N, C-alpha and C. Protein backbone atom coordinates (compact mmCIF):
# COMPACT_ATOMS: atom_id res chain seq x y z
N MET A 1 -66.34 -74.36 30.73
CA MET A 1 -67.74 -74.58 30.92
C MET A 1 -68.07 -74.49 32.38
N LEU A 2 -69.26 -74.13 32.68
CA LEU A 2 -69.74 -74.17 34.04
C LEU A 2 -68.98 -73.24 34.96
N CYS A 3 -68.29 -72.30 34.41
CA CYS A 3 -67.44 -71.41 35.19
C CYS A 3 -66.38 -72.19 35.93
N VAL A 4 -66.34 -73.47 35.79
CA VAL A 4 -65.44 -74.30 36.57
C VAL A 4 -64.20 -74.64 35.80
N GLY A 5 -64.36 -75.38 34.77
CA GLY A 5 -63.19 -75.77 34.02
C GLY A 5 -62.91 -74.70 33.00
N VAL A 6 -61.83 -73.98 33.18
CA VAL A 6 -61.43 -73.05 32.14
C VAL A 6 -61.43 -73.84 30.85
N ALA A 7 -60.90 -75.01 30.92
CA ALA A 7 -60.90 -75.89 29.76
C ALA A 7 -62.30 -76.43 29.50
N GLY A 8 -63.06 -76.68 30.55
CA GLY A 8 -64.39 -77.25 30.42
C GLY A 8 -65.30 -76.43 29.54
N GLN A 9 -65.27 -75.11 29.69
CA GLN A 9 -66.12 -74.25 28.89
C GLN A 9 -65.75 -74.37 27.42
N GLN A 10 -64.46 -74.36 27.15
CA GLN A 10 -64.01 -74.46 25.77
C GLN A 10 -64.41 -75.81 25.18
N HIS A 11 -64.28 -76.86 25.97
CA HIS A 11 -64.55 -78.19 25.45
C HIS A 11 -66.03 -78.40 25.17
N LEU A 12 -66.89 -77.90 26.05
CA LEU A 12 -68.30 -78.07 25.80
C LEU A 12 -68.75 -77.20 24.65
N ALA A 13 -68.27 -75.96 24.62
CA ALA A 13 -68.66 -75.05 23.54
C ALA A 13 -68.21 -75.59 22.19
N ALA A 14 -67.07 -76.26 22.17
CA ALA A 14 -66.53 -76.77 20.92
C ALA A 14 -67.01 -78.19 20.61
N SER A 15 -67.86 -78.70 21.46
CA SER A 15 -68.34 -80.06 21.26
C SER A 15 -68.92 -80.23 19.87
N GLN A 16 -68.52 -81.29 19.22
CA GLN A 16 -68.94 -81.49 17.84
C GLN A 16 -70.22 -82.30 17.73
N LYS A 17 -70.54 -83.05 18.75
CA LYS A 17 -71.77 -83.81 18.70
C LYS A 17 -72.31 -83.96 20.11
N GLN A 18 -73.60 -84.18 20.21
CA GLN A 18 -74.23 -84.33 21.51
C GLN A 18 -74.93 -85.68 21.55
N GLY A 19 -75.00 -86.25 22.74
CA GLY A 19 -75.65 -87.54 22.88
C GLY A 19 -76.33 -87.63 24.22
N SER A 20 -76.78 -88.80 24.56
CA SER A 20 -77.48 -88.96 25.82
C SER A 20 -76.49 -89.29 26.92
N THR A 21 -76.90 -88.97 28.14
CA THR A 21 -76.07 -89.23 29.31
C THR A 21 -76.07 -90.72 29.60
N LYS A 22 -74.89 -91.24 29.95
CA LYS A 22 -74.81 -92.63 30.36
C LYS A 22 -74.17 -92.68 31.73
N GLN A 23 -74.57 -93.61 32.52
CA GLN A 23 -74.09 -93.75 33.89
C GLN A 23 -72.77 -94.51 33.92
N GLU A 24 -71.83 -93.99 34.69
CA GLU A 24 -70.64 -94.73 35.08
C GLU A 24 -69.96 -95.39 33.90
N ALA A 25 -69.47 -94.61 32.97
CA ALA A 25 -68.92 -95.11 31.71
C ALA A 25 -67.79 -96.10 31.89
N GLU A 26 -66.87 -95.83 32.81
CA GLU A 26 -65.69 -96.68 32.88
C GLU A 26 -65.67 -97.63 34.07
N HIS A 27 -66.36 -97.29 35.12
CA HIS A 27 -66.29 -98.08 36.35
C HIS A 27 -67.68 -98.54 36.74
N ALA A 28 -68.07 -99.66 36.20
CA ALA A 28 -69.42 -100.13 36.42
C ALA A 28 -69.76 -100.27 37.90
N ASN A 29 -68.78 -100.60 38.74
CA ASN A 29 -69.05 -100.77 40.15
C ASN A 29 -68.67 -99.53 40.96
N GLY A 30 -68.27 -98.45 40.30
CA GLY A 30 -67.95 -97.21 41.00
C GLY A 30 -66.62 -97.23 41.72
N SER A 31 -65.80 -98.22 41.47
CA SER A 31 -64.51 -98.31 42.17
C SER A 31 -63.40 -97.70 41.33
N ALA A 32 -62.31 -97.38 41.99
CA ALA A 32 -61.16 -96.81 41.30
C ALA A 32 -60.48 -97.87 40.44
N PRO A 33 -59.79 -97.46 39.40
CA PRO A 33 -59.09 -98.42 38.56
C PRO A 33 -57.93 -99.07 39.32
N ALA A 34 -57.48 -100.22 38.84
CA ALA A 34 -56.41 -100.96 39.50
C ALA A 34 -55.05 -100.42 39.09
N VAL A 35 -54.60 -99.38 39.78
CA VAL A 35 -53.27 -98.80 39.57
C VAL A 35 -52.60 -98.76 40.93
N ASN A 36 -51.38 -99.24 41.00
CA ASN A 36 -50.66 -99.22 42.27
C ASN A 36 -50.19 -97.80 42.56
N THR A 37 -50.79 -97.18 43.56
CA THR A 37 -50.46 -95.80 43.92
C THR A 37 -49.61 -95.71 45.19
N SER A 38 -49.13 -96.84 45.67
CA SER A 38 -48.42 -96.85 46.96
C SER A 38 -47.14 -96.01 46.96
N ALA A 39 -46.47 -95.89 45.82
CA ALA A 39 -45.24 -95.09 45.76
C ALA A 39 -45.50 -93.66 45.28
N TRP A 40 -46.75 -93.32 45.05
CA TRP A 40 -47.08 -92.00 44.54
C TRP A 40 -46.87 -90.92 45.60
N LYS A 41 -46.65 -89.70 45.12
CA LYS A 41 -46.54 -88.53 45.99
C LYS A 41 -47.95 -88.01 46.27
N THR A 42 -48.06 -87.15 47.28
CA THR A 42 -49.35 -86.53 47.61
C THR A 42 -49.21 -85.02 47.51
N TYR A 43 -50.10 -84.41 46.74
CA TYR A 43 -50.20 -82.95 46.69
C TYR A 43 -51.30 -82.57 47.67
N ARG A 44 -50.95 -81.74 48.62
CA ARG A 44 -51.91 -81.31 49.64
C ARG A 44 -52.09 -79.80 49.53
N ASN A 45 -53.33 -79.36 49.41
CA ASN A 45 -53.64 -77.95 49.28
C ASN A 45 -54.41 -77.51 50.53
N GLU A 46 -53.70 -76.88 51.45
CA GLU A 46 -54.30 -76.43 52.71
C GLU A 46 -55.29 -75.29 52.48
N LYS A 47 -54.99 -74.42 51.52
CA LYS A 47 -55.85 -73.26 51.24
C LYS A 47 -57.28 -73.70 50.92
N HIS A 48 -57.41 -74.74 50.10
CA HIS A 48 -58.73 -75.19 49.68
C HIS A 48 -59.18 -76.47 50.36
N GLY A 49 -58.29 -77.10 51.11
CA GLY A 49 -58.67 -78.26 51.90
C GLY A 49 -58.88 -79.55 51.12
N PHE A 50 -57.91 -79.90 50.28
CA PHE A 50 -57.99 -81.19 49.59
C PHE A 50 -56.59 -81.72 49.35
N GLN A 51 -56.54 -82.99 49.04
CA GLN A 51 -55.28 -83.61 48.63
C GLN A 51 -55.57 -84.61 47.53
N VAL A 52 -54.52 -84.88 46.74
CA VAL A 52 -54.63 -85.81 45.64
C VAL A 52 -53.26 -86.47 45.45
N LYS A 53 -53.28 -87.74 45.07
CA LYS A 53 -52.03 -88.46 44.82
C LYS A 53 -51.70 -88.38 43.33
N TYR A 54 -50.39 -88.45 43.03
CA TYR A 54 -49.94 -88.41 41.64
C TYR A 54 -48.64 -89.21 41.52
N PRO A 55 -48.35 -89.70 40.31
CA PRO A 55 -47.16 -90.54 40.12
C PRO A 55 -45.87 -89.83 40.56
N GLU A 56 -44.97 -90.59 41.11
CA GLU A 56 -43.71 -90.04 41.66
C GLU A 56 -42.85 -89.36 40.61
N THR A 57 -43.02 -89.69 39.35
CA THR A 57 -42.21 -89.08 38.28
C THR A 57 -42.89 -87.85 37.66
N TRP A 58 -44.08 -87.52 38.11
CA TRP A 58 -44.81 -86.37 37.59
C TRP A 58 -44.53 -85.15 38.46
N MET A 59 -44.91 -83.98 37.96
CA MET A 59 -44.67 -82.73 38.69
C MET A 59 -45.99 -81.99 38.89
N VAL A 60 -45.99 -81.11 39.92
CA VAL A 60 -47.15 -80.26 40.20
C VAL A 60 -46.75 -78.83 39.92
N ASN A 61 -47.62 -78.11 39.22
CA ASN A 61 -47.41 -76.70 38.96
C ASN A 61 -48.67 -75.96 39.37
N ALA A 62 -48.61 -75.27 40.51
CA ALA A 62 -49.75 -74.50 41.00
C ALA A 62 -49.65 -73.09 40.45
N GLY A 63 -50.65 -72.67 39.71
CA GLY A 63 -50.67 -71.34 39.12
C GLY A 63 -50.91 -70.27 40.16
N SER A 64 -50.71 -69.04 39.75
CA SER A 64 -50.98 -67.90 40.63
C SER A 64 -51.65 -66.82 39.81
N GLY A 65 -52.27 -65.89 40.49
CA GLY A 65 -52.94 -64.80 39.81
C GLY A 65 -54.39 -64.73 40.21
N THR A 66 -55.16 -63.98 39.44
CA THR A 66 -56.58 -63.83 39.75
C THR A 66 -57.38 -64.90 39.03
N GLY A 67 -58.64 -65.01 39.38
CA GLY A 67 -59.49 -66.02 38.76
C GLY A 67 -59.41 -67.34 39.51
N PRO A 68 -59.79 -68.41 38.85
CA PRO A 68 -59.77 -69.71 39.52
C PRO A 68 -58.34 -70.15 39.82
N ASP A 69 -58.18 -70.86 40.92
CA ASP A 69 -56.88 -71.46 41.21
C ASP A 69 -56.74 -72.69 40.31
N ILE A 70 -55.62 -72.75 39.61
CA ILE A 70 -55.36 -73.84 38.66
C ILE A 70 -54.11 -74.58 39.09
N ILE A 71 -54.20 -75.90 39.18
CA ILE A 71 -53.06 -76.75 39.51
C ILE A 71 -52.93 -77.77 38.38
N ALA A 72 -51.77 -77.81 37.75
CA ALA A 72 -51.51 -78.78 36.69
C ALA A 72 -50.61 -79.87 37.26
N ILE A 73 -51.00 -81.10 37.04
CA ILE A 73 -50.21 -82.26 37.44
C ILE A 73 -49.89 -83.02 36.17
N GLY A 74 -48.60 -83.23 35.90
CA GLY A 74 -48.27 -83.91 34.66
C GLY A 74 -46.84 -84.34 34.56
N LYS A 75 -46.53 -84.92 33.42
CA LYS A 75 -45.17 -85.35 33.13
C LYS A 75 -44.78 -84.80 31.77
N ARG A 76 -43.54 -84.44 31.69
CA ARG A 76 -43.02 -83.96 30.41
C ARG A 76 -42.67 -85.13 29.52
N ALA A 77 -42.81 -84.90 28.24
CA ALA A 77 -42.48 -85.95 27.28
C ALA A 77 -40.96 -86.16 27.26
N ARG A 78 -40.58 -87.40 27.13
CA ARG A 78 -39.17 -87.77 26.97
C ARG A 78 -39.06 -88.55 25.68
N GLY A 79 -38.20 -88.08 24.81
CA GLY A 79 -38.04 -88.77 23.53
C GLY A 79 -39.33 -88.80 22.76
N GLU A 80 -39.81 -89.99 22.47
CA GLU A 80 -41.04 -90.15 21.70
C GLU A 80 -42.29 -90.21 22.57
N GLU A 81 -42.11 -90.18 23.90
CA GLU A 81 -43.27 -90.25 24.80
C GLU A 81 -44.12 -88.98 24.70
N PRO A 82 -45.44 -89.13 24.81
CA PRO A 82 -46.30 -87.94 24.81
C PRO A 82 -46.33 -87.27 26.19
N ASN A 83 -46.74 -86.00 26.19
CA ASN A 83 -46.98 -85.30 27.46
C ASN A 83 -48.23 -85.87 28.10
N ALA A 84 -48.32 -85.75 29.40
CA ALA A 84 -49.53 -86.11 30.13
C ALA A 84 -49.81 -85.00 31.12
N SER A 85 -51.07 -84.58 31.22
CA SER A 85 -51.40 -83.50 32.13
C SER A 85 -52.85 -83.58 32.57
N LEU A 86 -53.06 -83.39 33.86
CA LEU A 86 -54.39 -83.31 34.45
C LEU A 86 -54.47 -81.96 35.13
N THR A 87 -55.56 -81.23 34.91
CA THR A 87 -55.72 -79.90 35.48
C THR A 87 -56.79 -79.92 36.56
N ILE A 88 -56.46 -79.33 37.70
CA ILE A 88 -57.42 -79.15 38.78
C ILE A 88 -57.74 -77.66 38.84
N ALA A 89 -59.02 -77.32 38.82
CA ALA A 89 -59.44 -75.92 38.94
C ALA A 89 -60.36 -75.78 40.13
N ILE A 90 -60.13 -74.75 40.94
CA ILE A 90 -60.97 -74.46 42.08
C ILE A 90 -61.65 -73.12 41.84
N GLN A 91 -62.97 -73.13 41.79
CA GLN A 91 -63.75 -71.93 41.57
C GLN A 91 -64.49 -71.58 42.86
N LYS A 92 -64.07 -70.48 43.46
CA LYS A 92 -64.68 -70.03 44.71
C LYS A 92 -66.09 -69.49 44.44
N ASN A 93 -66.98 -69.80 45.34
CA ASN A 93 -68.34 -69.24 45.36
C ASN A 93 -69.12 -69.42 44.06
N GLN A 94 -68.91 -70.51 43.37
CA GLN A 94 -69.66 -70.78 42.14
C GLN A 94 -70.98 -71.48 42.40
N ASN A 95 -71.23 -71.80 43.68
CA ASN A 95 -72.47 -72.49 44.05
C ASN A 95 -73.12 -71.74 45.22
N PRO A 96 -73.47 -70.47 45.02
CA PRO A 96 -74.00 -69.67 46.14
C PRO A 96 -75.32 -70.19 46.69
N LYS A 97 -76.07 -70.96 45.88
CA LYS A 97 -77.34 -71.52 46.34
C LYS A 97 -77.14 -72.76 47.20
N LYS A 98 -75.89 -73.23 47.31
CA LYS A 98 -75.54 -74.42 48.08
C LYS A 98 -76.29 -75.66 47.60
N LEU A 99 -76.35 -75.80 46.29
CA LEU A 99 -76.99 -76.96 45.68
C LEU A 99 -76.11 -78.19 45.81
N SER A 100 -76.68 -79.36 45.64
CA SER A 100 -75.86 -80.57 45.54
C SER A 100 -75.09 -80.47 44.23
N ILE A 101 -74.04 -81.26 44.07
CA ILE A 101 -73.26 -81.20 42.83
C ILE A 101 -74.13 -81.59 41.63
N GLU A 102 -75.05 -82.52 41.83
CA GLU A 102 -75.94 -82.93 40.75
C GLU A 102 -76.85 -81.78 40.33
N GLU A 103 -77.43 -81.08 41.32
CA GLU A 103 -78.31 -79.95 41.02
C GLU A 103 -77.53 -78.81 40.38
N TRP A 104 -76.34 -78.54 40.90
CA TRP A 104 -75.51 -77.47 40.35
C TRP A 104 -75.16 -77.75 38.90
N PHE A 105 -74.74 -78.98 38.61
CA PHE A 105 -74.36 -79.36 37.25
C PHE A 105 -75.56 -79.23 36.30
N ALA A 106 -76.71 -79.74 36.71
CA ALA A 106 -77.92 -79.65 35.89
C ALA A 106 -78.27 -78.19 35.62
N ASP A 107 -78.15 -77.36 36.64
CA ASP A 107 -78.39 -75.92 36.50
C ASP A 107 -77.46 -75.31 35.46
N GLN A 108 -76.18 -75.66 35.51
CA GLN A 108 -75.20 -75.13 34.57
C GLN A 108 -75.50 -75.58 33.14
N MET A 109 -75.87 -76.84 32.99
CA MET A 109 -76.20 -77.35 31.66
C MET A 109 -77.41 -76.61 31.09
N LYS A 110 -78.40 -76.37 31.95
CA LYS A 110 -79.60 -75.66 31.52
C LYS A 110 -79.27 -74.22 31.12
N LEU A 111 -78.45 -73.54 31.92
CA LEU A 111 -78.05 -72.16 31.62
C LEU A 111 -77.32 -72.05 30.29
N MET A 112 -76.50 -73.05 29.99
CA MET A 112 -75.71 -73.03 28.76
C MET A 112 -76.42 -73.67 27.57
N HIS A 113 -77.62 -74.21 27.81
CA HIS A 113 -78.35 -74.92 26.76
C HIS A 113 -77.44 -75.99 26.14
N ALA A 114 -76.83 -76.78 27.00
CA ALA A 114 -75.84 -77.75 26.55
C ALA A 114 -76.12 -79.13 27.14
N GLN A 115 -75.59 -80.11 26.48
CA GLN A 115 -75.64 -81.48 26.97
C GLN A 115 -74.33 -82.16 26.59
N PRO A 116 -73.63 -82.75 27.55
CA PRO A 116 -72.38 -83.43 27.21
C PRO A 116 -72.65 -84.66 26.35
N GLU A 117 -71.61 -85.09 25.63
CA GLU A 117 -71.72 -86.31 24.83
C GLU A 117 -72.04 -87.51 25.71
N SER A 118 -71.37 -87.56 26.85
CA SER A 118 -71.63 -88.63 27.81
C SER A 118 -71.29 -88.10 29.20
N GLY A 119 -71.76 -88.79 30.19
CA GLY A 119 -71.48 -88.38 31.56
C GLY A 119 -72.15 -89.31 32.54
N GLY A 120 -72.00 -88.99 33.81
CA GLY A 120 -72.60 -89.81 34.84
C GLY A 120 -72.20 -89.38 36.22
N HIS A 121 -72.59 -90.19 37.19
CA HIS A 121 -72.35 -89.93 38.60
C HIS A 121 -71.29 -90.89 39.12
N ILE A 122 -70.37 -90.38 39.91
CA ILE A 122 -69.36 -91.22 40.58
C ILE A 122 -69.19 -90.70 42.00
N THR A 123 -68.45 -91.42 42.78
CA THR A 123 -68.10 -90.99 44.13
C THR A 123 -66.58 -90.92 44.21
N ILE A 124 -66.06 -89.77 44.60
CA ILE A 124 -64.62 -89.62 44.80
C ILE A 124 -64.40 -88.99 46.17
N GLY A 125 -63.44 -89.53 46.89
CA GLY A 125 -63.16 -89.01 48.22
C GLY A 125 -64.35 -89.10 49.15
N GLY A 126 -65.24 -90.06 48.91
CA GLY A 126 -66.40 -90.24 49.76
C GLY A 126 -67.54 -89.28 49.48
N GLN A 127 -67.44 -88.52 48.40
CA GLN A 127 -68.53 -87.60 48.11
C GLN A 127 -68.94 -87.68 46.65
N ALA A 128 -70.14 -87.18 46.39
CA ALA A 128 -70.72 -87.23 45.06
C ALA A 128 -69.93 -86.37 44.08
N ALA A 129 -69.85 -86.85 42.85
CA ALA A 129 -69.20 -86.11 41.77
C ALA A 129 -69.95 -86.41 40.47
N ILE A 130 -69.77 -85.52 39.52
CA ILE A 130 -70.36 -85.67 38.19
C ILE A 130 -69.22 -85.64 37.18
N PHE A 131 -69.28 -86.51 36.17
CA PHE A 131 -68.29 -86.41 35.11
C PHE A 131 -69.01 -86.23 33.78
N MET A 132 -68.30 -85.62 32.85
CA MET A 132 -68.82 -85.48 31.49
C MET A 132 -67.67 -85.63 30.52
N GLU A 133 -68.01 -86.03 29.31
CA GLU A 133 -67.03 -86.16 28.24
C GLU A 133 -67.54 -85.46 27.00
N ASN A 134 -66.64 -84.77 26.32
CA ASN A 134 -66.93 -84.08 25.07
C ASN A 134 -65.73 -84.18 24.16
N THR A 135 -65.98 -84.07 22.87
CA THR A 135 -64.91 -84.09 21.87
C THR A 135 -64.87 -82.75 21.18
N ASN A 136 -63.64 -82.24 21.01
CA ASN A 136 -63.45 -80.99 20.27
C ASN A 136 -62.21 -81.14 19.41
N SER A 137 -61.69 -80.04 18.92
CA SER A 137 -60.52 -80.09 18.03
C SER A 137 -59.27 -80.63 18.72
N PHE A 138 -59.24 -80.65 20.05
CA PHE A 138 -58.10 -81.17 20.80
C PHE A 138 -58.24 -82.66 21.10
N GLY A 139 -59.41 -83.22 20.84
CA GLY A 139 -59.66 -84.62 21.14
C GLY A 139 -60.74 -84.76 22.19
N LYS A 140 -60.81 -85.94 22.78
CA LYS A 140 -61.82 -86.23 23.79
C LYS A 140 -61.34 -85.71 25.15
N GLN A 141 -62.20 -84.99 25.85
CA GLN A 141 -61.88 -84.39 27.14
C GLN A 141 -62.83 -84.94 28.20
N ARG A 142 -62.28 -85.24 29.37
CA ARG A 142 -63.11 -85.69 30.50
C ARG A 142 -62.97 -84.68 31.62
N ASP A 143 -64.11 -84.22 32.13
CA ASP A 143 -64.14 -83.26 33.24
C ASP A 143 -64.97 -83.86 34.36
N THR A 144 -64.44 -83.80 35.58
CA THR A 144 -65.13 -84.29 36.76
C THR A 144 -65.31 -83.14 37.72
N PHE A 145 -66.51 -83.01 38.30
CA PHE A 145 -66.84 -81.90 39.19
C PHE A 145 -67.30 -82.41 40.54
N THR A 146 -66.85 -81.77 41.60
CA THR A 146 -67.33 -82.09 42.95
C THR A 146 -67.30 -80.82 43.78
N LEU A 147 -67.91 -80.87 44.94
CA LEU A 147 -67.91 -79.73 45.85
C LEU A 147 -66.72 -79.82 46.79
N LEU A 148 -66.06 -78.68 47.02
CA LEU A 148 -65.03 -78.62 48.06
C LEU A 148 -65.68 -78.28 49.40
N ASN A 149 -66.67 -77.46 49.35
CA ASN A 149 -67.51 -77.14 50.48
C ASN A 149 -68.86 -76.82 49.87
N GLU A 150 -69.73 -76.18 50.56
CA GLU A 150 -71.06 -75.95 50.01
C GLU A 150 -71.08 -74.99 48.82
N THR A 151 -70.07 -74.11 48.71
CA THR A 151 -70.13 -73.09 47.66
C THR A 151 -69.00 -73.16 46.63
N ASP A 152 -67.93 -73.89 46.89
CA ASP A 152 -66.79 -73.96 45.97
C ASP A 152 -66.85 -75.25 45.14
N ILE A 153 -66.49 -75.11 43.86
CA ILE A 153 -66.50 -76.24 42.93
C ILE A 153 -65.06 -76.59 42.57
N LEU A 154 -64.75 -77.87 42.59
CA LEU A 154 -63.44 -78.37 42.17
C LEU A 154 -63.67 -79.21 40.92
N SER A 155 -62.87 -78.95 39.88
CA SER A 155 -62.95 -79.78 38.68
C SER A 155 -61.60 -80.40 38.40
N LEU A 156 -61.62 -81.60 37.86
CA LEU A 156 -60.43 -82.30 37.40
C LEU A 156 -60.65 -82.60 35.93
N SER A 157 -59.72 -82.16 35.09
CA SER A 157 -59.89 -82.29 33.65
C SER A 157 -58.65 -82.88 33.00
N TYR A 158 -58.89 -83.73 32.01
CA TYR A 158 -57.78 -84.27 31.24
C TYR A 158 -58.25 -84.68 29.86
N LYS A 159 -57.30 -84.68 28.95
CA LYS A 159 -57.53 -85.15 27.58
C LYS A 159 -57.39 -86.66 27.57
N ASP A 160 -58.35 -87.33 26.95
CA ASP A 160 -58.31 -88.78 26.84
C ASP A 160 -57.05 -89.21 26.09
N GLN A 161 -56.21 -90.00 26.73
CA GLN A 161 -55.03 -90.60 26.11
C GLN A 161 -54.95 -92.02 26.64
N ALA A 162 -55.19 -92.97 25.78
CA ALA A 162 -55.31 -94.37 26.20
C ALA A 162 -54.18 -94.80 27.13
N GLU A 163 -52.94 -94.39 26.83
CA GLU A 163 -51.81 -94.83 27.65
C GLU A 163 -51.80 -94.21 29.05
N PHE A 164 -52.57 -93.15 29.27
CA PHE A 164 -52.59 -92.49 30.58
C PHE A 164 -53.95 -92.54 31.28
N ASP A 165 -54.98 -93.06 30.63
CA ASP A 165 -56.32 -93.02 31.21
C ASP A 165 -56.40 -93.69 32.59
N ALA A 166 -55.76 -94.83 32.78
CA ALA A 166 -55.81 -95.50 34.09
C ALA A 166 -55.12 -94.63 35.15
N THR A 167 -54.03 -93.97 34.78
CA THR A 167 -53.32 -93.08 35.71
C THR A 167 -54.19 -91.88 36.05
N TYR A 168 -54.79 -91.27 35.03
CA TYR A 168 -55.68 -90.13 35.27
C TYR A 168 -56.83 -90.53 36.21
N ASN A 169 -57.45 -91.66 35.94
CA ASN A 169 -58.55 -92.12 36.79
C ASN A 169 -58.09 -92.38 38.22
N ALA A 170 -56.90 -92.94 38.39
CA ALA A 170 -56.38 -93.17 39.73
C ALA A 170 -56.15 -91.84 40.46
N ILE A 171 -55.68 -90.82 39.75
CA ILE A 171 -55.50 -89.50 40.36
C ILE A 171 -56.86 -88.96 40.81
N VAL A 172 -57.85 -89.01 39.91
CA VAL A 172 -59.20 -88.51 40.25
C VAL A 172 -59.74 -89.22 41.47
N PHE A 173 -59.63 -90.55 41.49
CA PHE A 173 -60.19 -91.33 42.60
C PHE A 173 -59.39 -91.21 43.88
N SER A 174 -58.18 -90.62 43.81
CA SER A 174 -57.38 -90.42 45.03
C SER A 174 -57.75 -89.13 45.76
N LEU A 175 -58.56 -88.28 45.14
CA LEU A 175 -58.94 -87.01 45.75
C LEU A 175 -59.58 -87.21 47.12
N ARG A 176 -59.14 -86.43 48.09
CA ARG A 176 -59.71 -86.43 49.43
C ARG A 176 -59.93 -84.98 49.86
N VAL A 177 -61.15 -84.68 50.30
CA VAL A 177 -61.46 -83.37 50.84
C VAL A 177 -61.10 -83.40 52.32
N LEU A 178 -60.33 -82.41 52.77
CA LEU A 178 -59.81 -82.40 54.14
C LEU A 178 -60.68 -81.63 55.11
N LYS A 179 -61.43 -80.66 54.61
CA LYS A 179 -62.23 -79.81 55.51
C LYS A 179 -63.64 -80.32 55.63
């Protein structure tokens, strides 16, 4: 969706129901969840000018090729444990009008004639971000969008999994734009 989340487009298009937007679904005060990230590793992307923290037992897989830059951060399942994965997508020049993230998101929703099941405004890395949630055949998906600079969009996407939601949120809230 939104040319941003390779997954985002699929999730919104496959959305089974639509509802009204709600503000700040999980963090009423806009703060990051209480997860100890002190031992976490840091993934730093000099090309796009951002960094994000992730659990020390997880791995980073930065894709290559044409199209959006995709970085997957996750852990492989061990035994009966489920997989966990958060995807970061960087879309160059998706905001040529240099709109705010709120205006850009509203523009994209209008172009697609779509409305997420839920969503709201948050602040990550000291800057404005928009999140949305939709349900499709893969389950509930959360996508968060922010600007890397005036024209590039960064999205963070993950499938809702109760046992990993606090970790996913801590990763999202650890994002820092360097440029």
